[in-house]
């Protein structure tokens, strides 16, 4: 893994989280925050890719609006760490 350029920023965190992270001396607070942000960013990119895929499928094959379709979409959203309601809102919008 290549090291990205670093930029110092100020953030406000919950005191209990900082205390718990600082108790683990095997990693730095900055490394943990960076790792958590990177994981969240990756999760959001994957979720957006799934949403784009569903939109493309809907435009090619028609809407995914049967109860079975919605149940399957909700299941995949849960598996990927998304919220099932996001799918329903996207389909309605």
PDB file of N, CA and C in Angstrom:
ATOM      1  N   UNK A   1       0.852  -1.181   0.000  1.00  0.00           N
ATOM      2  CA  UNK A   1       0.000   0.000   0.000  1.00  0.00           C
ATOM      3  C   UNK A   1       0.889   1.232   0.000  1.00  0.00           C
ATOM      4  N   UNK A   2       0.604   2.165  -0.881  1.00  0.00           N
ATOM      5  CA  UNK A   2       1.386   3.386  -0.932  1.00  0.00           C
ATOM      6  C   UNK A   2       0.860   4.373   0.093  1.00  0.00           C
ATOM      7  N   UNK A   3       1.757   5.180   0.587  1.00  0.00           N
ATOM      8  CA  UNK A   3       1.387   6.181   1.579  1.00  0.00           C
ATOM      9  C   UNK A   3       0.930   7.436   0.860  1.00  0.00           C
ATOM     10  N   UNK A   4      -0.255   7.896   1.193  1.00  0.00           N
ATOM     11  CA  UNK A   4      -0.774   9.130   0.614  1.00  0.00           C
ATOM     12  C   UNK A   4      -0.177  10.321   1.339  1.00  0.00           C
ATOM     13  N   UNK A   5      -0.161  11.448   0.668  1.00  0.00           N
ATOM     14  CA  UNK A   5       0.266  12.683   1.325  1.00  0.00           C
ATOM     15  C   UNK A   5      -0.689  12.956   2.480  1.00  0.00           C
ATOM     16  N   UNK A   6      -0.157  13.461   3.556  1.00  0.00           N
ATOM     17  CA  UNK A   6      -0.970  13.726   4.747  1.00  0.00           C
ATOM     18  C   UNK A   6      -1.286  15.210   4.839  1.00  0.00           C
ATOM     19  N   UNK A   7      -2.408  15.508   5.437  1.00  0.00           N
ATOM     20  CA  UNK A   7      -2.836  16.886   5.662  1.00  0.00           C
ATOM     21  C   UNK A   7      -3.371  16.973   7.072  1.00  0.00           C
ATOM     22  N   UNK A   8      -2.909  17.916   7.836  1.00  0.00           N
ATOM     23  CA  UNK A   8      -3.339  18.068   9.213  1.00  0.00           C
ATOM     24  C   UNK A   8      -4.640  18.867   9.244  1.00  0.00           C
ATOM     25  N   UNK A   9      -5.652  18.291   9.915  1.00  0.00           N
ATOM     26  CA  UNK A   9      -6.942  18.956  10.070  1.00  0.00           C
ATOM     27  C   UNK A   9      -7.389  18.814  11.519  1.00  0.00           C
ATOM     28  N   UNK A  10      -8.352  19.599  11.888  1.00  0.00           N
ATOM     29  CA  UNK A  10      -8.892  19.534  13.243  1.00  0.00           C
ATOM     30  C   UNK A  10     -10.285  18.921  13.178  1.00  0.00           C
ATOM     31  N   UNK A  11     -10.546  17.944  14.034  1.00  0.00           N
ATOM     32  CA  UNK A  11     -11.861  17.329  14.113  1.00  0.00           C
ATOM     33  C   UNK A  11     -12.285  17.256  15.577  1.00  0.00           C
ATOM     34  N   UNK A  12     -13.572  17.178  15.797  1.00  0.00           N
ATOM     35  CA  UNK A  12     -14.106  17.019  17.134  1.00  0.00           C
ATOM     36  C   UNK A  12     -14.714  15.629  17.219  1.00  0.00           C
ATOM     37  N   UNK A  13     -14.250  14.854  18.207  1.00  0.00           N
ATOM     38  CA  UNK A  13     -14.681  13.468  18.354  1.00  0.00           C
ATOM     39  C   UNK A  13     -15.302  13.262  19.725  1.00  0.00           C
ATOM     40  N   UNK A  14     -16.134  12.237  19.834  1.00  0.00           N
ATOM     41  CA  UNK A  14     -16.715  11.882  21.127  1.00  0.00           C
ATOM     42  C   UNK A  14     -15.595  11.456  22.076  1.00  0.00           C
ATOM     43  N   UNK A  15     -15.637  11.974  23.290  1.00  0.00           N
ATOM     44  CA  UNK A  15     -14.579  11.744  24.272  1.00  0.00           C
ATOM     45  C   UNK A  15     -14.380  10.252  24.560  1.00  0.00           C
ATOM     46  N   UNK A  16     -15.479   9.495  24.646  1.00  0.00           N
ATOM     47  CA  UNK A  16     -15.337   8.071  24.952  1.00  0.00           C
ATOM     48  C   UNK A  16     -14.622   7.315  23.837  1.00  0.00           C
ATOM     49  N   UNK A  17     -14.844   7.725  22.592  1.00  0.00           N
ATOM     50  CA  UNK A  17     -14.149   7.076  21.475  1.00  0.00           C
ATOM     51  C   UNK A  17     -12.659   7.394  21.506  1.00  0.00           C
ATOM     52  N   UNK A  18     -12.334   8.641  21.763  1.00  0.00           N
ATOM     53  CA  UNK A  18     -10.925   9.032  21.830  1.00  0.00           C
ATOM     54  C   UNK A  18     -10.225   8.277  22.944  1.00  0.00           C
ATOM     55  N   UNK A  19     -10.879   8.196  24.091  1.00  0.00           N
ATOM     56  CA  UNK A  19     -10.291   7.485  25.233  1.00  0.00           C
ATOM     57  C   UNK A  19     -10.042   6.013  24.894  1.00  0.00           C
ATOM     58  N   UNK A  20     -11.004   5.388  24.267  1.00  0.00           N
ATOM     59  CA  UNK A  20     -10.859   3.977  23.908  1.00  0.00           C
ATOM     60  C   UNK A  20      -9.744   3.781  22.887  1.00  0.00           C
ATOM     61  N   UNK A  21      -9.673   4.661  21.908  1.00  0.00           N
ATOM     62  CA  UNK A  21      -8.628   4.535  20.889  1.00  0.00           C
ATOM     63  C   UNK A  21      -7.252   4.821  21.465  1.00  0.00           C
ATOM     64  N   UNK A  22      -7.155   5.790  22.350  1.00  0.00           N
ATOM     65  CA  UNK A  22      -5.867   6.113  22.959  1.00  0.00           C
ATOM     66  C   UNK A  22      -5.395   5.007  23.906  1.00  0.00           C
ATOM     67  N   UNK A  23      -6.314   4.226  24.429  1.00  0.00           N
ATOM     68  CA  UNK A  23      -5.944   3.121  25.317  1.00  0.00           C
ATOM     69  C   UNK A  23      -5.216   2.019  24.554  1.00  0.00           C
ATOM     70  N   UNK A  24      -5.475   1.911  23.265  1.00  0.00           N
ATOM     71  CA  UNK A  24      -4.793   0.933  22.420  1.00  0.00           C
ATOM     72  C   UNK A  24      -3.521   1.576  21.891  1.00  0.00           C
ATOM     73  N   UNK A  25      -2.408   1.245  22.478  1.00  0.00           N
ATOM     74  CA  UNK A  25      -1.137   1.881  22.102  1.00  0.00           C
ATOM     75  C   UNK A  25      -0.503   1.273  20.851  1.00  0.00           C
ATOM     76  N   UNK A  26      -1.161   0.291  20.248  1.00  0.00           N
ATOM     77  CA  UNK A  26      -0.590  -0.335  19.052  1.00  0.00           C
ATOM     78  C   UNK A  26      -0.781   0.515  17.794  1.00  0.00           C
ATOM     79  N   UNK A  27      -1.711   1.468  17.840  1.00  0.00           N
ATOM     80  CA  UNK A  27      -1.951   2.349  16.700  1.00  0.00           C
ATOM     81  C   UNK A  27      -2.168   3.775  17.198  1.00  0.00           C
ATOM     82  N   UNK A  28      -1.970   4.711  16.291  1.00  0.00           N
ATOM     83  CA  UNK A  28      -2.199   6.106  16.656  1.00  0.00           C
ATOM     84  C   UNK A  28      -3.652   6.494  16.385  1.00  0.00           C
ATOM     85  N   UNK A  29      -4.088   7.530  17.053  1.00  0.00           N
ATOM     86  CA  UNK A  29      -5.443   8.050  16.831  1.00  0.00           C
ATOM     87  C   UNK A  29      -5.598   8.465  15.371  1.00  0.00           C
ATOM     88  N   UNK A  30      -4.602   9.132  14.831  1.00  0.00           N
ATOM     89  CA  UNK A  30      -4.670   9.556  13.427  1.00  0.00           C
ATOM     90  C   UNK A  30      -4.818   8.372  12.490  1.00  0.00           C
ATOM     91  N   UNK A  31      -4.076   7.309  12.747  1.00  0.00           N
ATOM     92  CA  UNK A  31      -4.156   6.121  11.889  1.00  0.00           C
ATOM     93  C   UNK A  31      -5.546   5.490  11.972  1.00  0.00           C
ATOM     94  N   UNK A  32      -6.106   5.431  13.166  1.00  0.00           N
ATOM     95  CA  UNK A  32      -7.443   4.851  13.334  1.00  0.00           C
ATOM     96  C   UNK A  32      -8.507   5.691  12.651  1.00  0.00           C
ATOM     97  N   UNK A  33      -8.437   7.005  12.803  1.00  0.00           N
ATOM     98  CA  UNK A  33      -9.405   7.897  12.157  1.00  0.00           C
ATOM     99  C   UNK A  33      -9.270   7.784  10.645  1.00  0.00           C
ATOM    100  N   UNK A  34      -8.032   7.767  10.140  1.00  0.00           N
ATOM    101  CA  UNK A  34      -7.807   7.641   8.707  1.00  0.00           C
ATOM    102  C   UNK A  34      -8.372   6.331   8.173  1.00  0.00           C
ATOM    103  N   UNK A  35      -8.139   5.251   8.909  1.00  0.00           N
ATOM    104  CA  UNK A  35      -8.643   3.941   8.507  1.00  0.00           C
ATOM    105  C   UNK A  35     -10.169   3.916   8.479  1.00  0.00           C
ATOM    106  N   UNK A  36     -10.787   4.483   9.501  1.00  0.00           N
ATOM    107  CA  UNK A  36     -12.256   4.517   9.566  1.00  0.00           C
ATOM    108  C   UNK A  36     -12.833   5.356   8.431  1.00  0.00           C
ATOM    109  N   UNK A  37     -12.229   6.489   8.145  1.00  0.00           N
ATOM    110  CA  UNK A  37     -12.711   7.331   7.049  1.00  0.00           C
ATOM    111  C   UNK A  37     -12.541   6.649   5.701  1.00  0.00           C
ATOM    112  N   UNK A  38     -11.400   5.980   5.526  1.00  0.00           N
ATOM    113  CA  UNK A  38     -11.168   5.270   4.261  1.00  0.00           C
ATOM    114  C   UNK A  38     -12.190   4.142   4.078  1.00  0.00           C
ATOM    115  N   UNK A  39     -12.471   3.406   5.144  1.00  0.00           N
ATOM    116  CA  UNK A  39     -13.458   2.322   5.069  1.00  0.00           C
ATOM    117  C   UNK A  39     -14.847   2.875   4.746  1.00  0.00           C
ATOM    118  N   UNK A  40     -15.212   3.988   5.363  1.00  0.00           N
ATOM    119  CA  UNK A  40     -16.518   4.593   5.091  1.00  0.00           C
ATOM    120  C   UNK A  40     -16.590   5.104   3.656  1.00  0.00           C
ATOM    121  N   UNK A  41     -15.523   5.716   3.182  1.00  0.00           N
ATOM    122  CA  UNK A  41     -15.487   6.206   1.812  1.00  0.00           C
ATOM    123  C   UNK A  41     -15.638   5.048   0.823  1.00  0.00           C
ATOM    124  N   UNK A  42     -14.938   3.954   1.084  1.00  0.00           N
ATOM    125  CA  UNK A  42     -15.033   2.768   0.240  1.00  0.00           C
ATOM    126  C   UNK A  42     -16.441   2.194   0.259  1.00  0.00           C
ATOM    127  N   UNK A  43     -17.059   2.140   1.447  1.00  0.00           N
ATOM    128  CA  UNK A  43     -18.423   1.635   1.569  1.00  0.00           C
ATOM    129  C   UNK A  43     -19.384   2.496   0.749  1.00  0.00           C
ATOM    130  N   UNK A  44     -19.228   3.804   0.833  1.00  0.00           N
ATOM    131  CA  UNK A  44     -20.104   4.702   0.070  1.00  0.00           C
ATOM    132  C   UNK A  44     -19.921   4.535  -1.421  1.00  0.00           C
ATOM    133  N   UNK A  45     -18.678   4.357  -1.876  1.00  0.00           N
ATOM    134  CA  UNK A  45     -18.437   4.138  -3.306  1.00  0.00           C
ATOM    135  C   UNK A  45     -19.098   2.847  -3.774  1.00  0.00           C
ATOM    136  N   UNK A  46     -18.996   1.791  -2.976  1.00  0.00           N
ATOM    137  CA  UNK A  46     -19.633   0.517  -3.343  1.00  0.00           C
ATOM    138  C   UNK A  46     -21.147   0.658  -3.371  1.00  0.00           C
ATOM    139  N   UNK A  47     -21.685   1.355  -2.393  1.00  0.00           N
ATOM    140  CA  UNK A  47     -23.134   1.538  -2.346  1.00  0.00           C
ATOM    141  C   UNK A  47     -23.604   2.351  -3.552  1.00  0.00           C
ATOM    142  N   UNK A  48     -22.840   3.372  -3.939  1.00  0.00           N
ATOM    143  CA  UNK A  48     -23.197   4.166  -5.108  1.00  0.00           C
ATOM    144  C   UNK A  48     -23.100   3.326  -6.375  1.00  0.00           C
ATOM    145  N   UNK A  49     -22.098   2.462  -6.452  1.00  0.00           N
ATOM    146  CA  UNK A  49     -21.966   1.582  -7.622  1.00  0.00           C
ATOM    147  C   UNK A  49     -23.171   0.658  -7.732  1.00  0.00           C
ATOM    148  N   UNK A  50     -23.639   0.145  -6.604  1.00  0.00           N
ATOM    149  CA  UNK A  50     -24.832  -0.702  -6.624  1.00  0.00           C
ATOM    150  C   UNK A  50     -26.057   0.096  -7.060  1.00  0.00           C
ATOM    151  N   UNK A  51     -26.195   1.295  -6.539  1.00  0.00           N
ATOM    152  CA  UNK A  51     -27.327   2.146  -6.934  1.00  0.00           C
ATOM    153  C   UNK A  51     -27.283   2.433  -8.431  1.00  0.00           C
ATOM    154  N   UNK A  52     -26.087   2.721  -8.955  1.00  0.00           N
ATOM    155  CA  UNK A  52     -25.941   2.975 -10.389  1.00  0.00           C
ATOM    156  C   UNK A  52     -26.301   1.735 -11.203  1.00  0.00           C
ATOM    157  N   UNK A  53     -25.863   0.573 -10.734  1.00  0.00           N
ATOM    158  CA  UNK A  53     -26.191  -0.670 -11.415  1.00  0.00           C
ATOM    159  C   UNK A  53     -27.706  -0.886 -11.456  1.00  0.00           C
ATOM    160  N   UNK A  54     -28.362  -0.674 -10.329  1.00  0.00           N
ATOM    161  CA  UNK A  54     -29.819  -0.842 -10.288  1.00  0.00           C
ATOM    162  C   UNK A  54     -30.519   0.160 -11.198  1.00  0.00           C
ATOM    163  N   UNK A  55     -30.014   1.391 -11.232  1.00  0.00           N
ATOM    164  CA  UNK A  55     -30.600   2.392 -12.131  1.00  0.00           C
ATOM    165  C   UNK A  55     -30.435   1.975 -13.591  1.00  0.00           C
ATOM    166  N   UNK A  56     -29.255   1.462 -13.939  1.00  0.00           N
ATOM    167  CA  UNK A  56     -29.018   1.004 -15.315  1.00  0.00           C
ATOM    168  C   UNK A  56     -29.916  -0.174 -15.669  1.00  0.00           C
ATOM    169  N   UNK A  57     -30.033  -1.118 -14.745  1.00  0.00           N
ATOM    170  CA  UNK A  57     -30.917  -2.257 -14.990  1.00  0.00           C
ATOM    171  C   UNK A  57     -32.363  -1.801 -15.161  1.00  0.00           C
ATOM    172  N   UNK A  58     -32.787  -0.858 -14.330  1.00  0.00           N
ATOM    173  CA  UNK A  58     -34.152  -0.354 -14.427  1.00  0.00           C
ATOM    174  C   UNK A  58     -34.394   0.336 -15.762  1.00  0.00           C
ATOM    175  N   UNK A  59     -33.396   1.088 -16.241  1.00  0.00           N
ATOM    176  CA  UNK A  59     -33.590   1.773 -17.521  1.00  0.00           C
ATOM    177  C   UNK A  59     -33.569   0.797 -18.693  1.00  0.00           C
ATOM    178  N   UNK A  60     -32.805  -0.289 -18.580  1.00  0.00           N
ATOM    179  CA  UNK A  60     -32.737  -1.280 -19.651  1.00  0.00           C
ATOM    180  C   UNK A  60     -33.918  -2.237 -19.636  1.00  0.00           C
ATOM    181  N   UNK A  61     -34.342  -2.647 -18.461  1.00  0.00           N
ATOM    182  CA  UNK A  61     -35.320  -3.728 -18.342  1.00  0.00           C
ATOM    183  C   UNK A  61     -36.634  -3.324 -17.709  1.00  0.00           C
ATOM    184  N   UNK A  62     -36.753  -2.073 -17.369  1.00  0.00           N
ATOM    185  CA  UNK A  62     -37.962  -1.623 -16.679  1.00  0.00           C
ATOM    186  C   UNK A  62     -37.730  -1.583 -15.179  1.00  0.00           C
ATOM    187  N   UNK A  63     -38.654  -0.938 -14.502  1.00  0.00           N
ATOM    188  CA  UNK A  63     -38.520  -0.736 -13.067  1.00  0.00           C
ATOM    189  C   UNK A  63     -38.465  -2.022 -12.264  1.00  0.00           C
ATOM    190  N   UNK A  64     -37.753  -1.951 -11.188  1.00  0.00           N
ATOM    191  CA  UNK A  64     -37.688  -3.061 -10.239  1.00  0.00           C
ATOM    192  C   UNK A  64     -38.658  -2.739  -9.111  1.00  0.00           C
ATOM    193  N   UNK A  65     -39.940  -2.874  -9.404  1.00  0.00           N
ATOM    194  CA  UNK A  65     -40.909  -2.362  -8.449  1.00  0.00           C
ATOM    195  C   UNK A  65     -41.893  -3.406  -7.915  1.00  0.00           C
ATOM    196  N   UNK A  66     -41.670  -4.664  -8.218  1.00  0.00           N
ATOM    197  CA  UNK A  66     -42.536  -5.685  -7.634  1.00  0.00           C
ATOM    198  C   UNK A  66     -42.130  -5.888  -6.177  1.00  0.00           C
ATOM    199  N   UNK A  67     -43.007  -6.426  -5.361  1.00  0.00           N
ATOM    200  CA  UNK A  67     -42.623  -6.699  -3.968  1.00  0.00           C
ATOM    201  C   UNK A  67     -41.396  -7.613  -3.869  1.00  0.00           C
ATOM    202  N   UNK A  68     -41.286  -8.551  -4.778  1.00  0.00           N
ATOM    203  CA  UNK A  68     -40.123  -9.439  -4.776  1.00  0.00           C
ATOM    204  C   UNK A  68     -38.841  -8.675  -5.096  1.00  0.00           C
ATOM    205  N   UNK A  69     -38.931  -7.759  -6.076  1.00  0.00           N
ATOM    206  CA  UNK A  69     -37.775  -6.928  -6.423  1.00  0.00           C
ATOM    207  C   UNK A  69     -37.339  -6.097  -5.224  1.00  0.00           C
ATOM    208  N   UNK A  70     -38.289  -5.446  -4.584  1.00  0.00           N
ATOM    209  CA  UNK A  70     -37.971  -4.584  -3.438  1.00  0.00           C
ATOM    210  C   UNK A  70     -37.362  -5.385  -2.295  1.00  0.00           C
ATOM    211  N   UNK A  71     -37.875  -6.588  -2.065  1.00  0.00           N
ATOM    212  CA  UNK A  71     -37.326  -7.433  -0.996  1.00  0.00           C
ATOM    213  C   UNK A  71     -35.891  -7.831  -1.316  1.00  0.00           C
ATOM    214  N   UNK A  72     -35.624  -8.153  -2.571  1.00  0.00           N
ATOM    215  CA  UNK A  72     -34.273  -8.541  -2.969  1.00  0.00           C
ATOM    216  C   UNK A  72     -33.316  -7.353  -2.892  1.00  0.00           C
ATOM    217  N   UNK A  73     -33.766  -6.187  -3.313  1.00  0.00           N
ATOM    218  CA  UNK A  73     -32.935  -4.982  -3.211  1.00  0.00           C
ATOM    219  C   UNK A  73     -32.622  -4.686  -1.748  1.00  0.00           C
ATOM    220  N   UNK A  74     -33.628  -4.769  -0.904  1.00  0.00           N
ATOM    221  CA  UNK A  74     -33.419  -4.524   0.531  1.00  0.00           C
ATOM    222  C   UNK A  74     -32.416  -5.516   1.113  1.00  0.00           C
ATOM    223  N   UNK A  75     -32.499  -6.760   0.690  1.00  0.00           N
ATOM    224  CA  UNK A  75     -31.573  -7.782   1.177  1.00  0.00           C
ATOM    225  C   UNK A  75     -30.138  -7.450   0.776  1.00  0.00           C
ATOM    226  N   UNK A  76     -29.928  -7.075  -0.483  1.00  0.00           N
ATOM    227  CA  UNK A  76     -28.588  -6.714  -0.934  1.00  0.00           C
ATOM    228  C   UNK A  76     -28.080  -5.461  -0.224  1.00  0.00           C
ATOM    229  N   UNK A  77     -28.952  -4.496  -0.011  1.00  0.00           N
ATOM    230  CA  UNK A  77     -28.535  -3.277   0.683  1.00  0.00           C
ATOM    231  C   UNK A  77     -28.063  -3.609   2.099  1.00  0.00           C
ATOM    232  N   UNK A  78     -28.785  -4.485   2.786  1.00  0.00           N
ATOM    233  CA  UNK A  78     -28.368  -4.886   4.138  1.00  0.00           C
ATOM    234  C   UNK A  78     -27.027  -5.613   4.096  1.00  0.00           C
ATOM    235  N   UNK A  79     -26.855  -6.504   3.115  1.00  0.00           N
ATOM    236  CA  UNK A  79     -25.602  -7.241   2.985  1.00  0.00           C
ATOM    237  C   UNK A  79     -24.417  -6.320   2.726  1.00  0.00           C
ATOM    238  N   UNK A  80     -24.658  -5.241   2.003  1.00  0.00           N
ATOM    239  CA  UNK A  80     -23.583  -4.305   1.666  1.00  0.00           C
ATOM    240  C   UNK A  80     -23.434  -3.189   2.683  1.00  0.00           C
ATOM    241  N   UNK A  81     -24.181  -3.273   3.762  1.00  0.00           N
ATOM    242  CA  UNK A  81     -24.042  -2.267   4.810  1.00  0.00           C
ATOM    243  C   UNK A  81     -24.866  -1.024   4.591  1.00  0.00           C
ATOM    244  N   UNK A  82     -25.741  -1.042   3.601  1.00  0.00           N
ATOM    245  CA  UNK A  82     -26.617   0.092   3.358  1.00  0.00           C
ATOM    246  C   UNK A  82     -27.899  -0.056   4.144  1.00  0.00           C
ATOM    247  N   UNK A  83     -28.752   0.912   4.012  1.00  0.00           N
ATOM    248  CA  UNK A  83     -30.042   0.876   4.674  1.00  0.00           C
ATOM    249  C   UNK A  83     -31.082   0.554   3.620  1.00  0.00           C
ATOM    250  N   UNK A  84     -31.921  -0.404   3.915  1.00  0.00           N
ATOM    251  CA  UNK A  84     -32.910  -0.855   2.936  1.00  0.00           C
ATOM    252  C   UNK A  84     -33.813   0.281   2.485  1.00  0.00           C
ATOM    253  N   UNK A  85     -34.107   1.221   3.360  1.00  0.00           N
ATOM    254  CA  UNK A  85     -34.985   2.330   2.993  1.00  0.00           C
ATOM    255  C   UNK A  85     -34.384   3.197   1.901  1.00  0.00           C
ATOM    256  N   UNK A  86     -33.042   3.240   1.774  1.00  0.00           N
ATOM    257  CA  UNK A  86     -32.413   4.014   0.721  1.00  0.00           C
ATOM    258  C   UNK A  86     -32.901   3.558  -0.645  1.00  0.00           C
ATOM    259  N   UNK A  87     -33.056   2.268  -0.802  1.00  0.00           N
ATOM    260  CA  UNK A  87     -33.507   1.713  -2.065  1.00  0.00           C
ATOM    261  C   UNK A  87     -34.918   2.189  -2.394  1.00  0.00           C
ATOM    262  N   UNK A  88     -35.789   2.141  -1.413  1.00  0.00           N
ATOM    263  CA  UNK A  88     -37.173   2.562  -1.642  1.00  0.00           C
ATOM    264  C   UNK A  88     -37.239   4.045  -1.984  1.00  0.00           C
ATOM    265  N   UNK A  89     -36.465   4.865  -1.308  1.00  0.00           N
ATOM    266  CA  UNK A  89     -36.455   6.307  -1.584  1.00  0.00           C
ATOM    267  C   UNK A  89     -35.942   6.568  -2.990  1.00  0.00           C
ATOM    268  N   UNK A  90     -34.862   5.836  -3.401  1.00  0.00           N
ATOM    269  CA  UNK A  90     -34.281   6.035  -4.719  1.00  0.00           C
ATOM    270  C   UNK A  90     -35.271   5.636  -5.810  1.00  0.00           C
ATOM    271  N   UNK A  91     -35.959   4.523  -5.585  1.00  0.00           N
ATOM    272  CA  UNK A  91     -36.925   4.059  -6.577  1.00  0.00           C
ATOM    273  C   UNK A  91     -38.090   5.026  -6.707  1.00  0.00           C
ATOM    274  N   UNK A  92     -38.503   5.647  -5.571  1.00  0.00           N
ATOM    275  CA  UNK A  92     -39.622   6.575  -5.596  1.00  0.00           C
ATOM    276  C   UNK A  92     -39.226   7.893  -6.241  1.00  0.00           C
ATOM    277  N   UNK A  93     -37.931   8.263  -6.107  1.00  0.00           N
ATOM    278  CA  UNK A  93     -37.452   9.574  -6.579  1.00  0.00           C
ATOM    279  C   UNK A  93     -37.157   9.568  -7.992  1.00  0.00           C
TER     280      UNK A  93
END
